[in-house]
Amino acid sequence: MEPDQIADALTAFINTNIMARGHPVRPNDDLEAAGLDSMALLKVLLFIEAEFGFWIPDEDLVRDTLRSPLALANYIRRRQSPS
């Protein structure tokens, strides 16, 4: 999957399962500014594990990785790429 497709999947999950009553997020939106708290981020991480087949290790749970759906998508794409 390309990063844009991954970002769309993440955005759809967030908007359907987390932001259902709030303002929907877009791929480039800052997730913290959108109001996602630690419990919401945990839901996103569980979605990534179920959908993409891996858990993001603690050392990669940094602001740059978690900033937006697109930032997460770029991280996922890098993890999916053969080394």
PDB file of N, CA and C in Angstrom:
ATOM      1  N   MET A   1       0.834  -1.190   0.000  1.00  0.00           N
ATOM      2  CA  MET A   1       0.000   0.000   0.000  1.00  0.00           C
ATOM      3  C   MET A   1       0.875   1.248   0.000  1.00  0.00           C
ATOM      4  N   GLU A   2       0.398   2.242  -0.662  1.00  0.00           N
ATOM      5  CA  GLU A   2       1.096   3.525  -0.689  1.00  0.00           C
ATOM      6  C   GLU A   2       0.713   4.343   0.546  1.00  0.00           C
ATOM      7  N   PRO A   3       1.572   5.288   0.949  1.00  0.00           N
ATOM      8  CA  PRO A   3       1.275   6.086   2.143  1.00  0.00           C
ATOM      9  C   PRO A   3      -0.088   6.780   2.108  1.00  0.00           C
ATOM     10  N   ASP A   4      -0.499   7.290   0.949  1.00  0.00           N
ATOM     11  CA  ASP A   4      -1.803   7.960   0.870  1.00  0.00           C
ATOM     12  C   ASP A   4      -2.942   6.994   1.168  1.00  0.00           C
ATOM     13  N   GLN A   5      -2.833   5.760   0.684  1.00  0.00           N
ATOM     14  CA  GLN A   5      -3.863   4.753   0.949  1.00  0.00           C
ATOM     15  C   GLN A   5      -3.874   4.372   2.426  1.00  0.00           C
ATOM     16  N   ILE A   6      -2.698   4.235   2.998  1.00  0.00           N
ATOM     17  CA  ILE A   6      -2.595   3.910   4.422  1.00  0.00           C
ATOM     18  C   ILE A   6      -3.174   5.054   5.252  1.00  0.00           C
ATOM     19  N   ALA A   7      -2.823   6.291   4.894  1.00  0.00           N
ATOM     20  CA  ALA A   7      -3.340   7.462   5.612  1.00  0.00           C
ATOM     21  C   ALA A   7      -4.858   7.522   5.519  1.00  0.00           C
ATOM     22  N   ASP A   8      -5.409   7.179   4.354  1.00  0.00           N
ATOM     23  CA  ASP A   8      -6.869   7.161   4.204  1.00  0.00           C
ATOM     24  C   ASP A   8      -7.503   6.126   5.122  1.00  0.00           C
ATOM     25  N   ALA A   9      -6.882   4.945   5.229  1.00  0.00           N
ATOM     26  CA  ALA A   9      -7.402   3.896   6.117  1.00  0.00           C
ATOM     27  C   ALA A   9      -7.335   4.349   7.579  1.00  0.00           C
ATOM     28  N   LEU A  10      -6.223   4.958   7.969  1.00  0.00           N
ATOM     29  CA  LEU A  10      -6.080   5.452   9.339  1.00  0.00           C
ATOM     30  C   LEU A  10      -7.086   6.559   9.632  1.00  0.00           C
ATOM     31  N   THR A  11      -7.236   7.486   8.692  1.00  0.00           N
ATOM     32  CA  THR A  11      -8.167   8.595   8.860  1.00  0.00           C
ATOM     33  C   THR A  11      -9.598   8.078   8.979  1.00  0.00           C
ATOM     34  N   ALA A  12      -9.964   7.126   8.133  1.00  0.00           N
ATOM     35  CA  ALA A  12     -11.314   6.549   8.200  1.00  0.00           C
ATOM     36  C   ALA A  12     -11.543   5.880   9.550  1.00  0.00           C
ATOM     37  N   PHE A  13     -10.554   5.130  10.033  1.00  0.00           N
ATOM     38  CA  PHE A  13     -10.684   4.485  11.344  1.00  0.00           C
ATOM     39  C   PHE A  13     -10.867   5.528  12.443  1.00  0.00           C
ATOM     40  N   ILE A  14     -10.025   6.540  12.444  1.00  0.00           N
ATOM     41  CA  ILE A  14     -10.094   7.577  13.478  1.00  0.00           C
ATOM     42  C   ILE A  14     -11.441   8.285  13.436  1.00  0.00           C
ATOM     43  N   ASN A  15     -11.882   8.668  12.246  1.00  0.00           N
ATOM     44  CA  ASN A  15     -13.139   9.400  12.134  1.00  0.00           C
ATOM     45  C   ASN A  15     -14.342   8.549  12.520  1.00  0.00           C
ATOM     46  N   THR A  16     -14.305   7.267  12.219  1.00  0.00           N
ATOM     47  CA  THR A  16     -15.427   6.380  12.520  1.00  0.00           C
ATOM     48  C   THR A  16     -15.443   5.939  13.975  1.00  0.00           C
ATOM     49  N   ASN A  17     -14.284   5.644  14.526  1.00  0.00           N
ATOM     50  CA  ASN A  17     -14.217   5.028  15.849  1.00  0.00           C
ATOM     51  C   ASN A  17     -13.827   5.957  16.990  1.00  0.00           C
ATOM     52  N   ILE A  18     -13.237   7.088  16.668  1.00  0.00           N
ATOM     53  CA  ILE A  18     -12.763   7.977  17.731  1.00  0.00           C
ATOM     54  C   ILE A  18     -13.423   9.351  17.644  1.00  0.00           C
ATOM     55  N   MET A  19     -13.499   9.901  16.451  1.00  0.00           N
ATOM     56  CA  MET A  19     -14.015  11.256  16.280  1.00  0.00           C
ATOM     57  C   MET A  19     -15.479  11.259  15.842  1.00  0.00           C
ATOM     58  N   ALA A  20     -16.195  10.192  16.087  1.00  0.00           N
ATOM     59  CA  ALA A  20     -17.557  10.036  15.570  1.00  0.00           C
ATOM     60  C   ALA A  20     -18.438  11.251  15.855  1.00  0.00           C
ATOM     61  N   ARG A  21     -18.260  11.862  16.992  1.00  0.00           N
ATOM     62  CA  ARG A  21     -19.088  13.021  17.345  1.00  0.00           C
ATOM     63  C   ARG A  21     -18.331  14.338  17.258  1.00  0.00           C
ATOM     64  N   GLY A  22     -17.063  14.264  16.953  1.00  0.00           N
ATOM     65  CA  GLY A  22     -16.243  15.466  16.890  1.00  0.00           C
ATOM     66  C   GLY A  22     -15.952  15.874  15.458  1.00  0.00           C
ATOM     67  N   HIS A  23     -15.064  16.802  15.328  1.00  0.00           N
ATOM     68  CA  HIS A  23     -14.643  17.292  14.019  1.00  0.00           C
ATOM     69  C   HIS A  23     -13.773  16.228  13.348  1.00  0.00           C
ATOM     70  N   PRO A  24     -14.108  15.821  12.129  1.00  0.00           N
ATOM     71  CA  PRO A  24     -13.304  14.779  11.467  1.00  0.00           C
ATOM     72  C   PRO A  24     -11.878  15.265  11.180  1.00  0.00           C
ATOM     73  N   VAL A  25     -10.942  14.325  11.228  1.00  0.00           N
ATOM     74  CA  VAL A  25      -9.554  14.647  10.917  1.00  0.00           C
ATOM     75  C   VAL A  25      -9.267  14.342   9.454  1.00  0.00           C
ATOM     76  N   ARG A  26      -8.253  15.017   8.939  1.00  0.00           N
ATOM     77  CA  ARG A  26      -7.753  14.780   7.583  1.00  0.00           C
ATOM     78  C   ARG A  26      -6.349  14.198   7.713  1.00  0.00           C
ATOM     79  N   PRO A  27      -5.813  13.626   6.639  1.00  0.00           N
ATOM     80  CA  PRO A  27      -4.507  12.958   6.722  1.00  0.00           C
ATOM     81  C   PRO A  27      -3.374  13.813   7.290  1.00  0.00           C
ATOM     82  N   ASN A  28      -3.379  15.113   7.042  1.00  0.00           N
ATOM     83  CA  ASN A  28      -2.288  15.969   7.520  1.00  0.00           C
ATOM     84  C   ASN A  28      -2.564  16.629   8.862  1.00  0.00           C
ATOM     85  N   ASP A  29      -3.727  16.386   9.440  1.00  0.00           N
ATOM     86  CA  ASP A  29      -4.082  17.038  10.704  1.00  0.00           C
ATOM     87  C   ASP A  29      -3.232  16.521  11.862  1.00  0.00           C
ATOM     88  N   ASP A  30      -2.883  17.423  12.751  1.00  0.00           N
ATOM     89  CA  ASP A  30      -2.164  17.071  13.971  1.00  0.00           C
ATOM     90  C   ASP A  30      -3.139  16.351  14.905  1.00  0.00           C
ATOM     91  N   LEU A  31      -2.816  15.117  15.261  1.00  0.00           N
ATOM     92  CA  LEU A  31      -3.736  14.309  16.063  1.00  0.00           C
ATOM     93  C   LEU A  31      -3.893  14.845  17.482  1.00  0.00           C
ATOM     94  N   GLU A  32      -2.830  15.363  18.053  1.00  0.00           N
ATOM     95  CA  GLU A  32      -2.929  15.934  19.399  1.00  0.00           C
ATOM     96  C   GLU A  32      -3.821  17.169  19.386  1.00  0.00           C
ATOM     97  N   ALA A  33      -3.626  18.036  18.401  1.00  0.00           N
ATOM     98  CA  ALA A  33      -4.443  19.238  18.286  1.00  0.00           C
ATOM     99  C   ALA A  33      -5.906  18.896  18.011  1.00  0.00           C
ATOM    100  N   ALA A  34      -6.137  17.764  17.350  1.00  0.00           N
ATOM    101  CA  ALA A  34      -7.506  17.322  17.060  1.00  0.00           C
ATOM    102  C   ALA A  34      -8.198  16.763  18.299  1.00  0.00           C
ATOM    103  N   GLY A  35      -7.426  16.559  19.372  1.00  0.00           N
ATOM    104  CA  GLY A  35      -8.021  16.113  20.617  1.00  0.00           C
ATOM    105  C   GLY A  35      -7.824  14.652  20.962  1.00  0.00           C
ATOM    106  N   LEU A  36      -7.002  13.932  20.200  1.00  0.00           N
ATOM    107  CA  LEU A  36      -6.757  12.531  20.530  1.00  0.00           C
ATOM    108  C   LEU A  36      -5.890  12.445  21.779  1.00  0.00           C
ATOM    109  N   ASP A  37      -6.380  11.703  22.755  1.00  0.00           N
ATOM    110  CA  ASP A  37      -5.625  11.503  23.985  1.00  0.00           C
ATOM    111  C   ASP A  37      -4.915  10.155  23.935  1.00  0.00           C
ATOM    112  N   SER A  38      -4.294   9.771  25.038  1.00  0.00           N
ATOM    113  CA  SER A  38      -3.517   8.530  25.051  1.00  0.00           C
ATOM    114  C   SER A  38      -4.387   7.300  24.805  1.00  0.00           C
ATOM    115  N   MET A  39      -5.614   7.297  25.290  1.00  0.00           N
ATOM    116  CA  MET A  39      -6.509   6.158  25.052  1.00  0.00           C
ATOM    117  C   MET A  39      -6.888   6.070  23.576  1.00  0.00           C
ATOM    118  N   ALA A  40      -7.119   7.202  22.947  1.00  0.00           N
ATOM    119  CA  ALA A  40      -7.440   7.213  21.521  1.00  0.00           C
ATOM    120  C   ALA A  40      -6.243   6.728  20.705  1.00  0.00           C
ATOM    121  N   LEU A  41      -5.043   7.166  21.086  1.00  0.00           N
ATOM    122  CA  LEU A  41      -3.848   6.710  20.374  1.00  0.00           C
ATOM    123  C   LEU A  41      -3.642   5.211  20.542  1.00  0.00           C
ATOM    124  N   LEU A  42      -3.981   4.687  21.703  1.00  0.00           N
ATOM    125  CA  LEU A  42      -3.888   3.241  21.906  1.00  0.00           C
ATOM    126  C   LEU A  42      -4.821   2.507  20.947  1.00  0.00           C
ATOM    127  N   LYS A  43      -6.018   3.045  20.746  1.00  0.00           N
ATOM    128  CA  LYS A  43      -6.950   2.442  19.782  1.00  0.00           C
ATOM    129  C   LYS A  43      -6.357   2.455  18.374  1.00  0.00           C
ATOM    130  N   VAL A  44      -5.697   3.544  18.016  1.00  0.00           N
ATOM    131  CA  VAL A  44      -5.061   3.636  16.699  1.00  0.00           C
ATOM    132  C   VAL A  44      -3.941   2.601  16.588  1.00  0.00           C
ATOM    133  N   LEU A  45      -3.149   2.460  17.639  1.00  0.00           N
ATOM    134  CA  LEU A  45      -2.058   1.479  17.623  1.00  0.00           C
ATOM    135  C   LEU A  45      -2.591   0.055  17.515  1.00  0.00           C
ATOM    136  N   LEU A  46      -3.692  -0.237  18.186  1.00  0.00           N
ATOM    137  CA  LEU A  46      -4.308  -1.566  18.078  1.00  0.00           C
ATOM    138  C   LEU A  46      -4.845  -1.802  16.668  1.00  0.00           C
ATOM    139  N   PHE A  47      -5.394  -0.755  16.050  1.00  0.00           N
ATOM    140  CA  PHE A  47      -5.854  -0.853  14.660  1.00  0.00           C
ATOM    141  C   PHE A  47      -4.679  -1.157  13.739  1.00  0.00           C
ATOM    142  N   ILE A  48      -3.563  -0.469  13.939  1.00  0.00           N
ATOM    143  CA  ILE A  48      -2.375  -0.704  13.113  1.00  0.00           C
ATOM    144  C   ILE A  48      -1.912  -2.148  13.268  1.00  0.00           C
ATOM    145  N   GLU A  49      -1.896  -2.636  14.498  1.00  0.00           N
ATOM    146  CA  GLU A  49      -1.476  -4.019  14.721  1.00  0.00           C
ATOM    147  C   GLU A  49      -2.402  -4.993  13.991  1.00  0.00           C
ATOM    148  N   ALA A  50      -3.704  -4.779  14.082  1.00  0.00           N
ATOM    149  CA  ALA A  50      -4.670  -5.682  13.441  1.00  0.00           C
ATOM    150  C   ALA A  50      -4.636  -5.564  11.921  1.00  0.00           C
ATOM    151  N   GLU A  51      -4.529  -4.350  11.433  1.00  0.00           N
ATOM    152  CA  GLU A  51      -4.624  -4.102   9.991  1.00  0.00           C
ATOM    153  C   GLU A  51      -3.321  -4.371   9.244  1.00  0.00           C
ATOM    154  N   PHE A  52      -2.188  -4.031   9.872  1.00  0.00           N
ATOM    155  CA  PHE A  52      -0.910  -4.094   9.172  1.00  0.00           C
ATOM    156  C   PHE A  52       0.042  -5.150   9.730  1.00  0.00           C
ATOM    157  N   GLY A  53      -0.355  -5.796  10.813  1.00  0.00           N
ATOM    158  CA  GLY A  53       0.362  -6.967  11.290  1.00  0.00           C
ATOM    159  C   GLY A  53       1.613  -6.735  12.112  1.00  0.00           C
ATOM    160  N   PHE A  54       1.765  -5.558  12.707  1.00  0.00           N
ATOM    161  CA  PHE A  54       2.913  -5.334  13.590  1.00  0.00           C
ATOM    162  C   PHE A  54       2.576  -4.284  14.644  1.00  0.00           C
ATOM    163  N   TRP A  55       3.285  -4.368  15.749  1.00  0.00           N
ATOM    164  CA  TRP A  55       3.166  -3.404  16.833  1.00  0.00           C
ATOM    165  C   TRP A  55       4.295  -2.399  16.696  1.00  0.00           C
ATOM    166  N   ILE A  56       4.015  -1.131  16.918  1.00  0.00           N
ATOM    167  CA  ILE A  56       5.055  -0.108  16.875  1.00  0.00           C
ATOM    168  C   ILE A  56       5.827  -0.177  18.195  1.00  0.00           C
ATOM    169  N   PRO A  57       7.136  -0.421  18.134  1.00  0.00           N
ATOM    170  CA  PRO A  57       7.913  -0.530  19.373  1.00  0.00           C
ATOM    171  C   PRO A  57       7.972   0.801  20.128  1.00  0.00           C
ATOM    172  N   ASP A  58       8.167   0.699  21.438  1.00  0.00           N
ATOM    173  CA  ASP A  58       8.189   1.884  22.298  1.00  0.00           C
ATOM    174  C   ASP A  58       9.134   2.969  21.794  1.00  0.00           C
ATOM    175  N   GLU A  59      10.304   2.572  21.316  1.00  0.00           N
ATOM    176  CA  GLU A  59      11.283   3.577  20.885  1.00  0.00           C
ATOM    177  C   GLU A  59      10.826   4.368  19.656  1.00  0.00           C
ATOM    178  N   ASP A  60       9.829   3.861  18.938  1.00  0.00           N
ATOM    179  CA  ASP A  60       9.302   4.580  17.776  1.00  0.00           C
ATOM    180  C   ASP A  60       8.038   5.374  18.091  1.00  0.00           C
ATOM    181  N   LEU A  61       7.552   5.295  19.324  1.00  0.00           N
ATOM    182  CA  LEU A  61       6.358   6.041  19.725  1.00  0.00           C
ATOM    183  C   LEU A  61       6.760   7.457  20.121  1.00  0.00           C
ATOM    184  N   VAL A  62       7.143   8.222  19.116  1.00  0.00           N
ATOM    185  CA  VAL A  62       7.610   9.597  19.306  1.00  0.00           C
ATOM    186  C   VAL A  62       6.717  10.546  18.519  1.00  0.00           C
ATOM    187  N   ARG A  63       6.798  11.808  18.848  1.00  0.00           N
ATOM    188  CA  ARG A  63       5.941  12.837  18.235  1.00  0.00           C
ATOM    189  C   ARG A  63       5.987  12.792  16.712  1.00  0.00           C
ATOM    190  N   ASP A  64       7.163  12.653  16.129  1.00  0.00           N
ATOM    191  CA  ASP A  64       7.262  12.654  14.666  1.00  0.00           C
ATOM    192  C   ASP A  64       6.487  11.503  14.038  1.00  0.00           C
ATOM    193  N   THR A  65       6.453  10.362  14.700  1.00  0.00           N
ATOM    194  CA  THR A  65       5.734   9.204  14.173  1.00  0.00           C
ATOM    195  C   THR A  65       4.232   9.360  14.360  1.00  0.00           C
ATOM    196  N   LEU A  66       3.812   9.919  15.488  1.00  0.00           N
ATOM    197  CA  LEU A  66       2.400   9.984  15.863  1.00  0.00           C
ATOM    198  C   LEU A  66       1.729  11.308  15.519  1.00  0.00           C
ATOM    199  N   ARG A  67       2.430  12.197  14.854  1.00  0.00           N
ATOM    200  CA  ARG A  67       1.940  13.550  14.602  1.00  0.00           C
ATOM    201  C   ARG A  67       0.610  13.588  13.859  1.00  0.00           C
ATOM    202  N   SER A  68       0.474  12.788  12.795  1.00  0.00           N
ATOM    203  CA  SER A  68      -0.715  12.846  11.940  1.00  0.00           C
ATOM    204  C   SER A  68      -0.948  11.477  11.307  1.00  0.00           C
ATOM    205  N   PRO A  69      -2.133  11.271  10.728  1.00  0.00           N
ATOM    206  CA  PRO A  69      -2.344  10.013  10.008  1.00  0.00           C
ATOM    207  C   PRO A  69      -1.300   9.797   8.906  1.00  0.00           C
ATOM    208  N   LEU A  70      -0.917  10.860   8.213  1.00  0.00           N
ATOM    209  CA  LEU A  70       0.074  10.714   7.145  1.00  0.00           C
ATOM    210  C   LEU A  70       1.455  10.367   7.704  1.00  0.00           C
ATOM    211  N   ALA A  71       1.826  10.957   8.841  1.00  0.00           N
ATOM    212  CA  ALA A  71       3.109  10.603   9.472  1.00  0.00           C
ATOM    213  C   ALA A  71       3.112   9.133   9.878  1.00  0.00           C
ATOM    214  N   LEU A  72       2.017   8.662  10.446  1.00  0.00           N
ATOM    215  CA  LEU A  72       1.900   7.243  10.787  1.00  0.00           C
ATOM    216  C   LEU A  72       1.962   6.382   9.533  1.00  0.00           C
ATOM    217  N   ALA A  73       1.305   6.825   8.473  1.00  0.00           N
ATOM    218  CA  ALA A  73       1.298   6.067   7.215  1.00  0.00           C
ATOM    219  C   ALA A  73       2.704   5.942   6.642  1.00  0.00           C
ATOM    220  N   ASN A  74       3.469   7.015   6.692  1.00  0.00           N
ATOM    221  CA  ASN A  74       4.850   6.958   6.199  1.00  0.00           C
ATOM    222  C   ASN A  74       5.684   5.994   7.032  1.00  0.00           C
ATOM    223  N   TYR A  75       5.475   5.994   8.341  1.00  0.00           N
ATOM    224  CA  TYR A  75       6.173   5.045   9.217  1.00  0.00           C
ATOM    225  C   TYR A  75       5.784   3.607   8.856  1.00  0.00           C
ATOM    226  N   ILE A  76       4.490   3.358   8.702  1.00  0.00           N
ATOM    227  CA  ILE A  76       4.009   2.013   8.355  1.00  0.00           C
ATOM    228  C   ILE A  76       4.605   1.572   7.030  1.00  0.00           C
ATOM    229  N   ARG A  77       4.626   2.444   6.060  1.00  0.00           N
ATOM    230  CA  ARG A  77       5.178   2.110   4.736  1.00  0.00           C
ATOM    231  C   ARG A  77       6.655   1.741   4.848  1.00  0.00           C
ATOM    232  N   ARG A  78       7.407   2.501   5.638  1.00  0.00           N
ATOM    233  CA  ARG A  78       8.826   2.170   5.834  1.00  0.00           C
ATOM    234  C   ARG A  78       8.980   0.801   6.483  1.00  0.00           C
ATOM    235  N   ARG A  79       8.133   0.487   7.440  1.00  0.00           N
ATOM    236  CA  ARG A  79       8.192  -0.820   8.111  1.00  0.00           C
ATOM    237  C   ARG A  79       7.827  -1.955   7.160  1.00  0.00           C
ATOM    238  N   GLN A  80       6.943  -1.677   6.204  1.00  0.00           N
ATOM    239  CA  GLN A  80       6.522  -2.704   5.252  1.00  0.00           C
ATOM    240  C   GLN A  80       7.548  -2.932   4.155  1.00  0.00           C
ATOM    241  N   SER A  81       8.386  -1.930   3.898  1.00  0.00           N
ATOM    242  CA  SER A  81       9.370  -2.043   2.825  1.00  0.00           C
ATOM    243  C   SER A  81      10.443  -3.048   3.200  1.00  0.00           C
ATOM    244  N   PRO A  82      10.849  -3.892   2.235  1.00  0.00           N
ATOM    245  CA  PRO A  82      11.937  -4.825   2.525  1.00  0.00           C
ATOM    246  C   PRO A  82      13.231  -4.067   2.800  1.00  0.00           C
ATOM    247  N   SER A  83      13.992  -4.540   3.750  1.00  0.00           N
ATOM    248  CA  SER A  83      15.255  -3.871   4.126  1.00  0.00           C
ATOM    249  C   SER A  83      16.350  -4.176   3.149  1.00  0.00           C
TER     250      SER A  83
END
